[in-house]
């Protein structure tokens, strides 16, 4: 491999990274208003797991602030990030704690929704039984 191929590869990699970054930000966000409770709970659980994993890493996966075209700038960003990483570790932990608490809340909401469905069915059954017994009482009264 000649030295002429190396800058072209670096430029291609940088262009690819830039394209991937633009595609990521251009994609539609998940419409949060249309998610049901189960999907919200699953998304919160996944986010919590991601934050717990990032809490253990010196450099979290997919950290967008560390990307740069030039090597010296990328290395400088990496050094500054490593220097300041102990500050952000706490926030990864706090975000994970918050996501886990919210996941538990979503699980309780799921249970409450299931109970509401069950109670509504019970009310409808009792109303149907009450209406049927009222008709029976009316029919008995009319036959006398």
C-alpha atoms as a PDB file:
ATOM      1  CA  UNK A   1       0.000   0.000   0.000  1.00  0.00           C
ATOM      2  CA  UNK A   2       1.462   3.332  -0.961  1.00  0.00           C
ATOM      3  CA  UNK A   3       1.365   6.516   1.071  1.00  0.00           C
ATOM      4  CA  UNK A   4      -0.938   8.029  -1.550  1.00  0.00           C
ATOM      5  CA  UNK A   5      -3.695   5.563  -0.548  1.00  0.00           C
ATOM      6  CA  UNK A   6      -3.697   6.531   3.141  1.00  0.00           C
ATOM      7  CA  UNK A   7      -5.114  10.089   2.873  1.00  0.00           C
ATOM      8  CA  UNK A   8      -7.785   8.875   0.482  1.00  0.00           C
ATOM      9  CA  UNK A   9      -8.840   6.178   2.964  1.00  0.00           C
ATOM     10  CA  UNK A  10      -8.910   8.701   5.830  1.00  0.00           C
ATOM     11  CA  UNK A  11     -11.000  11.049   3.704  1.00  0.00           C
ATOM     12  CA  UNK A  12     -13.337   8.207   2.730  1.00  0.00           C
ATOM     13  CA  UNK A  13     -13.738   7.131   6.367  1.00  0.00           C
ATOM     14  CA  UNK A  14     -14.393  10.687   7.448  1.00  0.00           C
ATOM     15  CA  UNK A  15     -16.933  11.149   4.657  1.00  0.00           C
ATOM     16  CA  UNK A  16     -18.616   7.886   5.615  1.00  0.00           C
ATOM     17  CA  UNK A  17     -18.800   8.932   9.271  1.00  0.00           C
ATOM     18  CA  UNK A  18     -20.229  12.307   8.282  1.00  0.00           C
ATOM     19  CA  UNK A  19     -22.828  10.635   6.069  1.00  0.00           C
ATOM     20  CA  UNK A  20     -23.840   8.204   8.802  1.00  0.00           C
ATOM     21  CA  UNK A  21     -24.144  11.081  11.286  1.00  0.00           C
ATOM     22  CA  UNK A  22     -26.343  13.051   8.883  1.00  0.00           C
ATOM     23  CA  UNK A  23     -28.529  10.010   8.201  1.00  0.00           C
ATOM     24  CA  UNK A  24     -28.937   9.429  11.922  1.00  0.00           C
ATOM     25  CA  UNK A  25     -30.094  12.971  12.582  1.00  0.00           C
ATOM     26  CA  UNK A  26     -32.298  13.043   9.465  1.00  0.00           C
ATOM     27  CA  UNK A  27     -34.300   9.963  10.428  1.00  0.00           C
ATOM     28  CA  UNK A  28     -37.715  10.391  11.940  1.00  0.00           C
ATOM     29  CA  UNK A  29     -37.912  10.171  15.678  1.00  0.00           C
ATOM     30  CA  UNK A  30     -40.170   7.586  17.232  1.00  0.00           C
ATOM     31  CA  UNK A  31     -43.614   9.150  17.680  1.00  0.00           C
ATOM     32  CA  UNK A  32     -43.773   8.893  21.456  1.00  0.00           C
ATOM     33  CA  UNK A  33     -47.457   9.751  21.637  1.00  0.00           C
ATOM     34  CA  UNK A  34     -48.362   6.600  19.728  1.00  0.00           C
ATOM     35  CA  UNK A  35     -46.457   4.156  21.913  1.00  0.00           C
ATOM     36  CA  UNK A  36     -48.453   1.848  24.136  1.00  0.00           C
ATOM     37  CA  UNK A  37     -47.414   1.168  27.714  1.00  0.00           C
ATOM     38  CA  UNK A  38     -45.517  -2.014  26.863  1.00  0.00           C
ATOM     39  CA  UNK A  39     -43.387  -0.285  24.231  1.00  0.00           C
ATOM     40  CA  UNK A  40     -42.686   2.650  26.547  1.00  0.00           C
ATOM     41  CA  UNK A  41     -41.589   0.210  29.238  1.00  0.00           C
ATOM     42  CA  UNK A  42     -39.351  -1.671  26.781  1.00  0.00           C
ATOM     43  CA  UNK A  43     -37.767   1.562  25.520  1.00  0.00           C
ATOM     44  CA  UNK A  44     -37.103   2.703  29.087  1.00  0.00           C
ATOM     45  CA  UNK A  45     -35.587  -0.660  29.943  1.00  0.00           C
ATOM     46  CA  UNK A  46     -33.281  -0.504  26.910  1.00  0.00           C
ATOM     47  CA  UNK A  47     -32.255   3.060  27.774  1.00  0.00           C
ATOM     48  CA  UNK A  48     -31.531   2.040  31.349  1.00  0.00           C
ATOM     49  CA  UNK A  49     -29.332  -0.847  30.177  1.00  0.00           C
ATOM     50  CA  UNK A  50     -27.481   1.492  27.798  1.00  0.00           C
ATOM     51  CA  UNK A  51     -26.829   4.015  30.571  1.00  0.00           C
ATOM     52  CA  UNK A  52     -25.628   1.256  32.931  1.00  0.00           C
ATOM     53  CA  UNK A  53     -23.218   0.034  30.241  1.00  0.00           C
ATOM     54  CA  UNK A  54     -22.013   3.580  29.501  1.00  0.00           C
ATOM     55  CA  UNK A  55     -21.438   4.143  33.203  1.00  0.00           C
ATOM     56  CA  UNK A  56     -18.714   1.484  33.124  1.00  0.00           C
ATOM     57  CA  UNK A  57     -17.010   2.689  29.929  1.00  0.00           C
ATOM     58  CA  UNK A  58     -14.272   5.297  29.776  1.00  0.00           C
ATOM     59  CA  UNK A  59     -15.559   6.340  26.365  1.00  0.00           C
ATOM     60  CA  UNK A  60     -19.260   5.547  25.815  1.00  0.00           C
ATOM     61  CA  UNK A  61     -20.264   3.896  22.562  1.00  0.00           C
ATOM     62  CA  UNK A  62     -21.225   6.245  19.784  1.00  0.00           C
ATOM     63  CA  UNK A  63     -20.059   9.407  21.529  1.00  0.00           C
ATOM     64  CA  UNK A  64     -20.717  11.980  18.766  1.00  0.00           C
ATOM     65  CA  UNK A  65     -18.608  14.756  20.287  1.00  0.00           C
ATOM     66  CA  UNK A  66     -15.343  12.866  19.746  1.00  0.00           C
ATOM     67  CA  UNK A  67     -15.570  12.710  15.959  1.00  0.00           C
ATOM     68  CA  UNK A  68     -13.320  14.935  13.899  1.00  0.00           C
ATOM     69  CA  UNK A  69     -11.754  14.892  10.451  1.00  0.00           C
ATOM     70  CA  UNK A  70      -8.265  15.802  11.580  1.00  0.00           C
ATOM     71  CA  UNK A  71      -6.301  13.393  13.750  1.00  0.00           C
ATOM     72  CA  UNK A  72      -4.840  15.984  16.155  1.00  0.00           C
ATOM     73  CA  UNK A  73      -8.281  17.426  16.822  1.00  0.00           C
ATOM     74  CA  UNK A  74      -9.759  13.960  17.460  1.00  0.00           C
ATOM     75  CA  UNK A  75      -6.913  13.182  19.886  1.00  0.00           C
ATOM     76  CA  UNK A  76      -7.363  16.497  21.669  1.00  0.00           C
ATOM     77  CA  UNK A  77     -11.095  15.885  22.040  1.00  0.00           C
ATOM     78  CA  UNK A  78     -10.383  12.399  23.359  1.00  0.00           C
ATOM     79  CA  UNK A  79      -7.931  13.707  25.970  1.00  0.00           C
ATOM     80  CA  UNK A  80     -10.307  16.428  27.126  1.00  0.00           C
ATOM     81  CA  UNK A  81     -13.166  13.915  27.265  1.00  0.00           C
ATOM     82  CA  UNK A  82     -11.087  11.478  29.328  1.00  0.00           C
ATOM     83  CA  UNK A  83     -10.092  14.290  31.678  1.00  0.00           C
ATOM     84  CA  UNK A  84     -13.721  15.306  32.214  1.00  0.00           C
ATOM     85  CA  UNK A  85     -15.209  11.795  32.146  1.00  0.00           C
ATOM     86  CA  UNK A  86     -15.412  11.378  35.944  1.00  0.00           C
ATOM     87  CA  UNK A  87     -17.877  14.279  35.990  1.00  0.00           C
ATOM     88  CA  UNK A  88     -20.173  12.672  33.418  1.00  0.00           C
ATOM     89  CA  UNK A  89     -20.045   9.197  35.004  1.00  0.00           C
ATOM     90  CA  UNK A  90     -22.300  10.459  37.757  1.00  0.00           C
ATOM     91  CA  UNK A  91     -24.875  11.636  35.229  1.00  0.00           C
ATOM     92  CA  UNK A  92     -24.846   8.285  33.428  1.00  0.00           C
ATOM     93  CA  UNK A  93     -25.622   6.641  36.764  1.00  0.00           C
ATOM     94  CA  UNK A  94     -28.340   9.169  37.612  1.00  0.00           C
ATOM     95  CA  UNK A  95     -29.940   8.777  34.189  1.00  0.00           C
ATOM     96  CA  UNK A  96     -29.899   4.991  34.577  1.00  0.00           C
ATOM     97  CA  UNK A  97     -31.479   5.247  38.045  1.00  0.00           C
ATOM     98  CA  UNK A  98     -34.164   7.557  36.687  1.00  0.00           C
ATOM     99  CA  UNK A  99     -34.859   5.248  33.749  1.00  0.00           C
ATOM    100  CA  UNK A 100     -35.158   2.226  36.074  1.00  0.00           C
ATOM    101  CA  UNK A 101     -37.602   4.055  38.345  1.00  0.00           C
ATOM    102  CA  UNK A 102     -39.641   5.137  35.345  1.00  0.00           C
ATOM    103  CA  UNK A 103     -39.589   1.542  34.047  1.00  0.00           C
ATOM    104  CA  UNK A 104     -41.026   0.367  37.365  1.00  0.00           C
ATOM    105  CA  UNK A 105     -43.697   3.044  37.087  1.00  0.00           C
ATOM    106  CA  UNK A 106     -44.542   1.838  33.565  1.00  0.00           C
ATOM    107  CA  UNK A 107     -44.846  -1.738  34.872  1.00  0.00           C
ATOM    108  CA  UNK A 108     -47.269  -0.570  37.567  1.00  0.00           C
ATOM    109  CA  UNK A 109     -49.230   1.335  34.937  1.00  0.00           C
ATOM    110  CA  UNK A 110     -49.471  -1.834  32.849  1.00  0.00           C
ATOM    111  CA  UNK A 111     -50.847  -3.709  35.850  1.00  0.00           C
ATOM    112  CA  UNK A 112     -53.335  -0.902  36.549  1.00  0.00           C
ATOM    113  CA  UNK A 113     -54.479  -0.869  32.916  1.00  0.00           C
ATOM    114  CA  UNK A 114     -55.033  -4.645  33.018  1.00  0.00           C
ATOM    115  CA  UNK A 115     -56.999  -4.287  36.248  1.00  0.00           C
ATOM    116  CA  UNK A 116     -59.155  -1.499  34.743  1.00  0.00           C
ATOM    117  CA  UNK A 117     -59.988  -3.725  31.767  1.00  0.00           C
ATOM    118  CA  UNK A 118     -60.929  -6.547  34.148  1.00  0.00           C
ATOM    119  CA  UNK A 119     -63.073  -4.251  36.326  1.00  0.00           C
ATOM    120  CA  UNK A 120     -64.860  -2.784  33.294  1.00  0.00           C
ATOM    121  CA  UNK A 121     -65.708  -6.294  32.123  1.00  0.00           C
ATOM    122  CA  UNK A 122     -67.017  -7.091  35.607  1.00  0.00           C
ATOM    123  CA  UNK A 123     -69.155  -3.913  35.646  1.00  0.00           C
ATOM    124  CA  UNK A 124     -70.574  -4.712  32.206  1.00  0.00           C
ATOM    125  CA  UNK A 125     -71.368  -8.258  33.337  1.00  0.00           C
ATOM    126  CA  UNK A 126     -73.123  -6.996  36.474  1.00  0.00           C
ATOM    127  CA  UNK A 127     -75.045  -4.370  34.501  1.00  0.00           C
ATOM    128  CA  UNK A 128     -76.152  -7.052  32.041  1.00  0.00           C
ATOM    129  CA  UNK A 129     -77.196  -9.316  34.944  1.00  0.00           C
ATOM    130  CA  UNK A 130     -79.020  -6.392  36.595  1.00  0.00           C
ATOM    131  CA  UNK A 131     -80.860  -5.518  33.392  1.00  0.00           C
ATOM    132  CA  UNK A 132     -81.842  -9.150  32.862  1.00  0.00           C
ATOM    133  CA  UNK A 133     -83.162  -9.493  36.438  1.00  0.00           C
ATOM    134  CA  UNK A 134     -85.070  -6.188  36.092  1.00  0.00           C
ATOM    135  CA  UNK A 135     -86.743  -7.501  32.915  1.00  0.00           C
ATOM    136  CA  UNK A 136     -87.601 -10.724  34.708  1.00  0.00           C
ATOM    137  CA  UNK A 137     -89.114  -8.759  37.602  1.00  0.00           C
ATOM    138  CA  UNK A 138     -91.149  -6.634  35.141  1.00  0.00           C
ATOM    139  CA  UNK A 139     -92.361  -9.709  33.330  1.00  0.00           C
ATOM    140  CA  UNK A 140     -93.448 -11.333  36.615  1.00  0.00           C
ATOM    141  CA  UNK A 141     -95.251  -8.153  37.648  1.00  0.00           C
ATOM    142  CA  UNK A 142     -97.052  -7.900  34.319  1.00  0.00           C
ATOM    143  CA  UNK A 143     -98.259 -11.518  34.400  1.00  0.00           C
ATOM    144  CA  UNK A 144    -100.042 -11.061  37.731  1.00  0.00           C
END
